Amino acid sequence: MCFYSKKITINLKKMQYNLLPNSDINVSKICLGTMTFGEQNSEAEGHEQLNYAVNERGINFLDTAEMYSVPSKAETKGSTEKIIGTWLKDRNKREDIILASKVCGPSANLAHIGAGRKFNRENMTITLHNSLQRLQTDYIDLYQLHWPERPTNYFGALGYQHVSDDAVTDFVETLTVLQDFIKEGKIRYIGISNETPWGTMQYLATAEKYNLPKISTIQNPYNLVNRTYEIGLAEMGIRENVGLLAYSPLAGGLLTEKYLSGKRPNGARFTLWPNYFTRYAHPNTMHAVERYATLAKENGLSLSQMTLAYVNTRNFLTANIIGATKMTQLKENIDSIDIVLSDEVLKEIQKIHLDFPNPAP
């Protein structure tokens, strides 16, 4: 079954899957992000999302982290993993789920995580065991380093400011610890997140030199108002076989209709926490969003579906991490897998990008 709008074709078909790089497992091209579980979504709502995504839409890839839900607070740290854990226990079919989680780096702004935290054996072992306990599982399929230890440009920072005495990761130690976790059967594959080209190459070169595990993925932001991944990491990912797990593909919800024309709906993320997502605050961000919204409307699409469909077209993508607080949003977001954007729409997207390049890094 298919239908045609002005310039796009939608084919209703099953979920698509990609091979997780450096592995023998296939993951759904749409990954369910779960950071709202425990804050904006209750346990029951989280379970409803999981059941629909997995049982009805063929999603087998779930992403979480020790620090979730978001915004991260001491009292809710780990709540998302707990909700997934109760669902996994009730479902009793762990083997058909590809589960990803993360260990935090240091954070001066999050006291409950720790300003001096390191990717060393002690911290990573404690964190992994706590995650396994909350998730009620014996293993995590993809274990990721959530952000770099060193000060560099991530979480909205553009332009590298060097710190001469910065604490750089001991890449050999970190990869050795992860290798031991693999040998113990506690994790299967490894990834990084919020990394730069230099950091990515350090992990790759160290793994090759010392015969340590190679990273499979990099989880970085990628959306219509933040395509900075393309500048240095896209080529690296393709040539080195490191797949992108694109997070924040809707720019925290900005690339939907709900914030257009200055609207701030009740319960929405930027209404609840206006200061938390400063990376999206540049005035050009909303100028770009308005242009993309007009393009989507002209082509019979919702803004969110056009945005997600664009992310799905990227040849460096392994999975597109979508999230939602309402079931209607979840269904619409997953439906993006069926959308094929025309060459004309893709050209118009590129024109807008050139007018407003990466306003929300």
Protein backbone atom coordinates (compact mmCIF):
# COMPACT_ATOMS: atom_id res chain seq x y z
CA MET A 1 0.00 0.00 0.00
CA CYS A 2 1.30 3.45 -0.84
CA PHE A 3 0.01 6.96 -1.35
CA TYR A 4 1.43 9.98 -3.05
CA SER A 5 1.55 13.58 -1.93
CA LYS A 6 2.88 16.45 -3.92
CA LYS A 7 6.54 15.46 -3.86
CA ILE A 8 6.96 12.43 -1.63
CA THR A 9 6.03 8.81 -1.62
CA ILE A 10 5.19 6.81 1.48
CA ASN A 11 5.44 3.04 1.30
CA LEU A 12 3.93 1.23 4.23
CA LYS A 13 6.37 -1.57 5.03
CA LYS A 14 8.07 -3.34 7.89
CA MET A 15 10.88 -2.06 10.07
CA GLN A 16 14.32 -1.80 8.46
CA TYR A 17 17.47 -3.17 10.08
CA ASN A 18 21.18 -2.44 9.88
CA LEU A 19 24.14 -4.53 10.92
CA LEU A 20 25.69 -3.14 14.07
CA PRO A 21 29.27 -2.43 12.92
CA ASN A 22 31.89 -4.97 13.96
CA SER A 23 29.20 -7.38 15.12
CA ASP A 24 26.94 -10.15 13.87
CA ILE A 25 23.67 -8.62 15.09
CA ASN A 26 21.07 -6.56 13.27
CA VAL A 27 19.49 -3.55 14.96
CA SER A 28 16.35 -1.72 13.95
CA LYS A 29 17.03 1.48 12.05
CA ILE A 30 14.68 3.17 14.50
CA CYS A 31 16.01 2.85 18.05
CA LEU A 32 13.73 3.67 20.97
CA GLY A 33 15.27 6.29 23.23
CA THR A 34 13.97 6.12 26.78
CA MET A 35 15.32 9.12 28.69
CA THR A 36 11.79 10.41 29.45
CA PHE A 37 10.96 7.25 31.43
CA GLY A 38 10.90 8.16 35.11
CA GLU A 39 10.39 11.90 34.59
CA GLN A 40 7.92 12.78 31.84
CA ASN A 41 6.68 9.20 31.54
CA SER A 42 5.60 6.86 34.32
CA GLU A 43 6.56 3.20 34.50
CA ALA A 44 3.20 2.18 32.98
CA GLU A 45 3.64 4.65 30.13
CA GLY A 46 7.19 3.44 29.54
CA HIS A 47 5.99 -0.14 29.35
CA GLU A 48 3.25 0.88 26.93
CA GLN A 49 5.82 2.51 24.64
CA LEU A 50 8.11 -0.51 24.83
CA ASN A 51 5.31 -2.96 24.07
CA TYR A 52 4.12 -0.99 21.06
CA ALA A 53 7.59 -0.33 19.64
CA VAL A 54 8.81 -3.91 20.06
CA ASN A 55 5.69 -6.03 19.63
CA GLU A 56 3.86 -4.03 16.97
CA ARG A 57 6.55 -2.15 15.05
CA GLY A 58 9.54 -4.48 15.05
CA ILE A 59 11.94 -2.27 17.00
CA ASN A 60 14.58 -4.40 18.73
CA PHE A 61 17.03 -1.67 19.76
CA LEU A 62 16.66 0.26 23.04
CA ASP A 63 18.90 3.02 24.34
CA THR A 64 19.27 4.16 27.93
CA ALA A 65 21.97 5.39 30.36
CA GLU A 66 22.85 5.27 34.04
CA MET A 67 22.08 9.00 34.44
CA TYR A 68 18.57 8.88 32.92
CA SER A 69 15.88 10.17 33.27
CA VAL A 70 16.51 13.67 31.90
CA PRO A 71 16.99 16.24 33.32
CA SER A 72 19.36 14.20 35.45
CA LYS A 73 18.83 14.47 39.20
CA ALA A 74 20.13 12.45 42.13
CA GLU A 75 16.64 11.24 43.02
CA THR A 76 15.85 10.00 39.48
CA LYS A 77 19.28 8.73 38.41
CA GLY A 78 18.81 5.18 37.14
CA SER A 79 15.01 5.42 37.03
CA THR A 80 14.89 4.76 33.28
CA GLU A 81 16.98 1.61 33.59
CA LYS A 82 14.69 0.41 36.38
CA ILE A 83 11.61 0.84 34.19
CA ILE A 84 13.24 -1.07 31.34
CA GLY A 85 14.30 -3.70 33.87
CA THR A 86 10.78 -4.40 35.10
CA TRP A 87 9.59 -4.61 31.48
CA LEU A 88 12.36 -7.06 30.58
CA LYS A 89 11.50 -9.20 33.59
CA ASP A 90 7.79 -9.26 32.74
CA ARG A 91 8.47 -10.00 29.07
CA ASN A 92 10.97 -12.78 29.80
CA LYS A 93 12.45 -12.68 26.28
CA ARG A 94 15.75 -10.88 26.78
CA GLU A 95 17.45 -12.54 23.78
CA ASP A 96 15.49 -10.66 21.11
CA ILE A 97 16.31 -7.19 22.48
CA ILE A 98 19.48 -5.26 21.67
CA LEU A 99 20.04 -3.15 24.76
CA ALA A 100 22.38 -0.15 24.90
CA SER A 101 23.38 1.80 28.00
CA LYS A 102 26.12 4.25 28.98
CA VAL A 103 28.59 5.12 31.71
CA CYS A 104 28.94 8.82 32.51
CA GLY A 105 32.09 10.84 32.29
CA PRO A 106 32.98 13.58 34.79
CA SER A 107 30.56 16.46 35.26
CA ALA A 108 31.13 19.62 37.28
CA ASN A 109 27.45 20.53 36.78
CA LEU A 110 25.97 17.24 38.04
CA ALA A 111 27.14 16.70 41.61
CA HIS A 112 25.46 13.29 41.86
CA ILE A 113 27.69 12.04 39.02
CA GLY A 114 30.97 13.55 40.19
CA ALA A 115 33.30 16.21 38.86
CA GLY A 116 36.39 14.02 39.03
CA ARG A 117 34.96 10.80 37.71
CA LYS A 118 37.21 8.74 35.43
CA PHE A 119 36.78 5.94 32.91
CA ASN A 120 38.86 3.65 35.10
CA ARG A 121 38.31 0.11 36.37
CA GLU A 122 36.80 1.06 39.72
CA ASN A 123 34.23 3.55 38.42
CA MET A 124 33.27 1.56 35.34
CA THR A 125 32.91 -1.70 37.24
CA ILE A 126 30.63 -0.17 39.89
CA THR A 127 28.58 1.61 37.23
CA LEU A 128 28.16 -1.44 35.02
CA HIS A 129 27.10 -3.67 37.91
CA ASN A 130 24.56 -1.08 39.07
CA SER A 131 23.13 -0.81 35.56
CA LEU A 132 22.87 -4.59 35.22
CA GLN A 133 21.04 -4.76 38.53
CA ARG A 134 18.57 -2.02 37.57
CA LEU A 135 18.02 -3.52 34.12
CA GLN A 136 17.53 -7.00 35.63
CA THR A 137 19.77 -8.58 33.02
CA ASP A 138 23.11 -10.40 32.93
CA TYR A 139 24.52 -8.43 30.00
CA ILE A 140 24.28 -5.20 28.00
CA ASP A 141 24.65 -5.55 24.24
CA LEU A 142 26.23 -2.15 23.59
CA TYR A 143 28.04 -0.31 26.37
CA GLN A 144 28.92 3.31 25.64
CA LEU A 145 31.08 6.03 27.19
CA HIS A 146 28.55 8.84 27.58
CA TRP A 147 30.86 11.82 27.02
CA PRO A 148 34.63 12.49 27.03
CA GLU A 149 36.63 12.88 30.22
CA ARG A 150 38.61 15.75 28.76
CA PRO A 151 37.20 19.25 28.22
CA THR A 152 36.33 19.56 24.53
CA ASN A 153 33.54 20.79 22.32
CA TYR A 154 30.38 18.77 22.94
CA PHE A 155 26.88 19.42 24.36
CA GLY A 156 26.45 22.59 22.32
CA ALA A 157 30.00 23.93 22.32
CA LEU A 158 31.41 24.95 18.96
CA GLY A 159 35.09 25.75 18.64
CA TYR A 160 37.79 23.96 20.57
CA GLN A 161 39.37 25.77 23.53
CA HIS A 162 42.53 23.96 24.61
CA VAL A 163 43.30 23.39 28.30
CA SER A 164 47.00 22.67 28.70
CA ASP A 165 46.70 20.47 31.79
CA ASP A 166 43.43 18.74 30.88
CA ALA A 167 42.78 15.17 31.99
CA VAL A 168 42.91 12.97 28.90
CA THR A 169 41.51 9.46 28.99
CA ASP A 170 43.96 6.60 29.45
CA PHE A 171 42.65 4.91 26.32
CA VAL A 172 44.57 1.69 26.95
CA GLU A 173 43.17 1.30 30.46
CA THR A 174 39.62 2.16 29.42
CA LEU A 175 39.59 -0.27 26.49
CA THR A 176 41.24 -2.96 28.61
CA VAL A 177 38.49 -2.66 31.21
CA LEU A 178 35.87 -2.89 28.48
CA GLN A 179 37.65 -5.92 27.02
CA ASP A 180 37.49 -7.62 30.42
CA PHE A 181 33.76 -6.88 30.63
CA ILE A 182 33.35 -8.57 27.23
CA LYS A 183 35.36 -11.60 28.33
CA GLU A 184 33.19 -11.83 31.46
CA GLY A 185 30.04 -11.83 29.30
CA LYS A 186 28.71 -8.64 30.88
CA ILE A 187 28.78 -6.59 27.67
CA ARG A 188 29.01 -7.58 24.01
CA TYR A 189 30.09 -4.50 22.06
CA ILE A 190 31.29 -0.99 22.84
CA GLY A 191 30.60 2.54 21.68
CA ILE A 192 31.38 6.17 22.42
CA SER A 193 29.16 9.24 22.60
CA ASN A 194 29.47 13.01 22.20
CA GLU A 195 32.97 12.47 20.81
CA THR A 196 35.14 14.45 18.44
CA PRO A 197 37.24 13.20 15.48
CA TRP A 198 40.41 13.26 17.59
CA GLY A 199 38.85 11.24 20.41
CA THR A 200 37.33 8.76 18.00
CA MET A 201 40.66 8.14 16.30
CA GLN A 202 42.38 7.63 19.67
CA TYR A 203 39.98 4.79 20.47
CA LEU A 204 40.44 3.28 17.02
CA ALA A 205 44.24 3.58 16.96
CA THR A 206 44.62 2.26 20.51
CA ALA A 207 42.40 -0.73 19.78
CA GLU A 208 44.41 -1.62 16.70
CA LYS A 209 47.81 -1.15 18.35
CA TYR A 210 47.06 -3.16 21.48
CA ASN A 211 44.56 -5.67 20.05
CA LEU A 212 41.72 -4.26 22.16
CA PRO A 213 38.01 -4.05 21.30
CA LYS A 214 37.09 -1.73 18.45
CA ILE A 215 34.26 0.72 18.97
CA SER A 216 31.16 -0.16 16.96
CA THR A 217 29.23 3.09 17.24
CA ILE A 218 29.33 6.75 18.10
CA GLN A 219 26.20 8.32 19.57
CA ASN A 220 26.22 12.00 18.69
CA PRO A 221 23.51 14.59 17.98
CA TYR A 222 22.31 14.79 14.40
CA ASN A 223 19.32 16.68 13.04
CA LEU A 224 18.37 19.39 10.56
CA VAL A 225 19.64 22.18 12.83
CA ASN A 226 22.79 20.31 13.86
CA ARG A 227 24.69 18.53 11.11
CA THR A 228 28.12 19.09 12.65
CA TYR A 229 28.68 15.33 12.53
CA GLU A 230 29.17 15.68 8.78
CA ILE A 231 32.19 17.97 9.14
CA GLY A 232 34.74 15.43 10.35
CA LEU A 233 33.05 12.38 11.78
CA ALA A 234 30.93 11.22 8.84
CA GLU A 235 33.87 10.29 6.61
CA MET A 236 35.66 8.73 9.55
CA GLY A 237 32.62 6.67 10.46
CA ILE A 238 32.18 5.34 6.94
CA ARG A 239 35.85 4.57 6.32
CA GLU A 240 36.48 3.09 9.78
CA ASN A 241 33.14 1.25 10.03
CA VAL A 242 31.84 3.11 13.07
CA GLY A 243 28.10 3.67 12.85
CA LEU A 244 26.25 6.78 13.97
CA LEU A 245 23.51 6.41 16.55
CA ALA A 246 21.82 9.75 15.95
CA TYR A 247 20.42 11.24 19.13
CA SER A 248 18.13 14.24 19.41
CA PRO A 249 16.99 13.84 15.78
CA LEU A 250 14.12 16.25 16.49
CA ALA A 251 16.34 18.72 18.34
CA GLY A 252 14.61 18.06 21.63
CA GLY A 253 11.21 18.53 19.98
CA LEU A 254 11.95 21.84 18.28
CA LEU A 255 11.67 20.15 14.90
CA THR A 256 7.98 19.49 15.43
CA GLU A 257 4.99 21.78 15.07
CA LYS A 258 4.49 22.29 18.80
CA TYR A 259 6.96 25.18 19.23
CA LEU A 260 6.20 27.05 16.00
CA SER A 261 5.36 30.75 16.18
CA GLY A 262 6.67 31.00 19.73
CA LYS A 263 4.31 28.44 21.25
CA ARG A 264 5.29 26.83 24.55
CA PRO A 265 2.75 24.08 25.28
CA ASN A 266 2.18 22.84 28.82
CA GLY A 267 4.27 19.82 29.75
CA ALA A 268 6.67 20.20 26.82
CA ARG A 269 10.39 19.91 27.47
CA PHE A 270 11.36 23.51 26.72
CA THR A 271 8.40 24.77 28.74
CA LEU A 272 9.36 22.71 31.78
CA TRP A 273 13.11 23.30 31.63
CA PRO A 274 13.86 26.40 29.51
CA ASN A 275 17.43 26.72 30.78
CA TYR A 276 18.38 23.08 30.43
CA PHE A 277 18.54 22.97 26.66
CA THR A 278 20.56 26.11 25.95
CA ARG A 279 22.21 24.48 22.94
CA TYR A 280 18.99 25.17 20.99
CA ALA A 281 18.61 28.80 22.07
CA HIS A 282 20.24 30.61 19.12
CA PRO A 283 17.69 32.82 17.29
CA ASN A 284 18.64 31.26 13.95
CA THR A 285 17.47 27.89 15.23
CA MET A 286 13.80 28.92 15.13
CA HIS A 287 14.31 30.74 11.82
CA ALA A 288 15.55 27.48 10.37
CA VAL A 289 12.78 25.47 12.01
CA GLU A 290 10.12 27.75 10.51
CA ARG A 291 11.63 27.28 7.04
CA TYR A 292 11.74 23.51 7.43
CA ALA A 293 8.14 23.53 8.68
CA THR A 294 7.02 25.41 5.56
CA LEU A 295 8.84 22.94 3.32
CA ALA A 296 7.24 19.98 5.09
CA LYS A 297 3.76 21.48 4.82
CA GLU A 298 4.21 22.20 1.13
CA ASN A 299 4.96 18.53 0.59
CA GLY A 300 2.18 17.02 2.66
CA LEU A 301 4.39 16.00 5.57
CA SER A 302 4.55 16.72 9.24
CA LEU A 303 7.73 18.51 10.24
CA SER A 304 8.78 15.68 12.55
CA GLN A 305 8.33 13.01 9.90
CA MET A 306 10.26 14.96 7.26
CA THR A 307 13.05 15.56 9.77
CA LEU A 308 13.30 11.93 10.85
CA ALA A 309 13.03 10.69 7.26
CA TYR A 310 15.98 12.90 6.37
CA VAL A 311 18.10 11.42 9.16
CA ASN A 312 17.12 7.96 7.94
CA THR A 313 18.63 8.71 4.50
CA ARG A 314 22.18 9.23 5.77
CA ASN A 315 24.65 6.59 4.63
CA PHE A 316 26.66 6.89 7.86
CA LEU A 317 23.63 6.08 10.03
CA THR A 318 23.23 2.83 11.95
CA ALA A 319 20.16 3.86 13.97
CA ASN A 320 17.97 6.90 14.52
CA ILE A 321 17.15 7.27 18.23
CA ILE A 322 13.60 8.55 18.55
CA GLY A 323 11.72 9.30 21.75
CA ALA A 324 8.28 10.46 22.76
CA THR A 325 6.18 11.33 25.77
CA LYS A 326 2.83 10.46 24.14
CA MET A 327 1.81 7.40 22.14
CA THR A 328 0.61 9.56 19.25
CA GLN A 329 4.10 11.06 18.99
CA LEU A 330 5.70 7.63 19.17
CA LYS A 331 3.56 6.25 16.35
CA GLU A 332 4.21 9.28 14.15
CA ASN A 333 7.94 9.09 14.76
CA ILE A 334 8.18 5.38 13.98
CA ASP A 335 6.12 5.91 10.83
CA SER A 336 9.01 7.98 9.47
CA ILE A 337 10.68 4.70 8.49
CA ASP A 338 8.13 4.45 5.66
CA ILE A 339 8.79 7.88 4.17
CA VAL A 340 10.89 8.33 1.03
CA LEU A 341 11.87 11.95 0.41
CA SER A 342 12.06 13.12 -3.19
CA ASP A 343 15.24 14.54 -4.69
CA GLU A 344 13.51 17.92 -4.83
CA VAL A 345 12.76 17.90 -1.10
CA LEU A 346 16.33 16.87 -0.34
CA LYS A 347 17.63 19.77 -2.45
CA GLU A 348 15.38 22.23 -0.63
CA ILE A 349 16.57 20.91 2.73
CA GLN A 350 20.15 21.55 1.64
CA LYS A 351 19.30 25.12 0.60
CA ILE A 352 17.87 25.86 4.04
CA HIS A 353 20.90 24.28 5.66
CA LEU A 354 23.22 26.58 3.72
CA ASP A 355 21.20 29.59 4.86
CA PHE A 356 21.19 28.44 8.51
CA PRO A 357 24.15 26.07 9.02
CA ASN A 358 24.16 24.27 12.37
CA PRO A 359 22.50 26.91 14.58
CA ALA A 360 21.98 24.37 17.40
CA PRO A 361 25.16 22.32 17.84
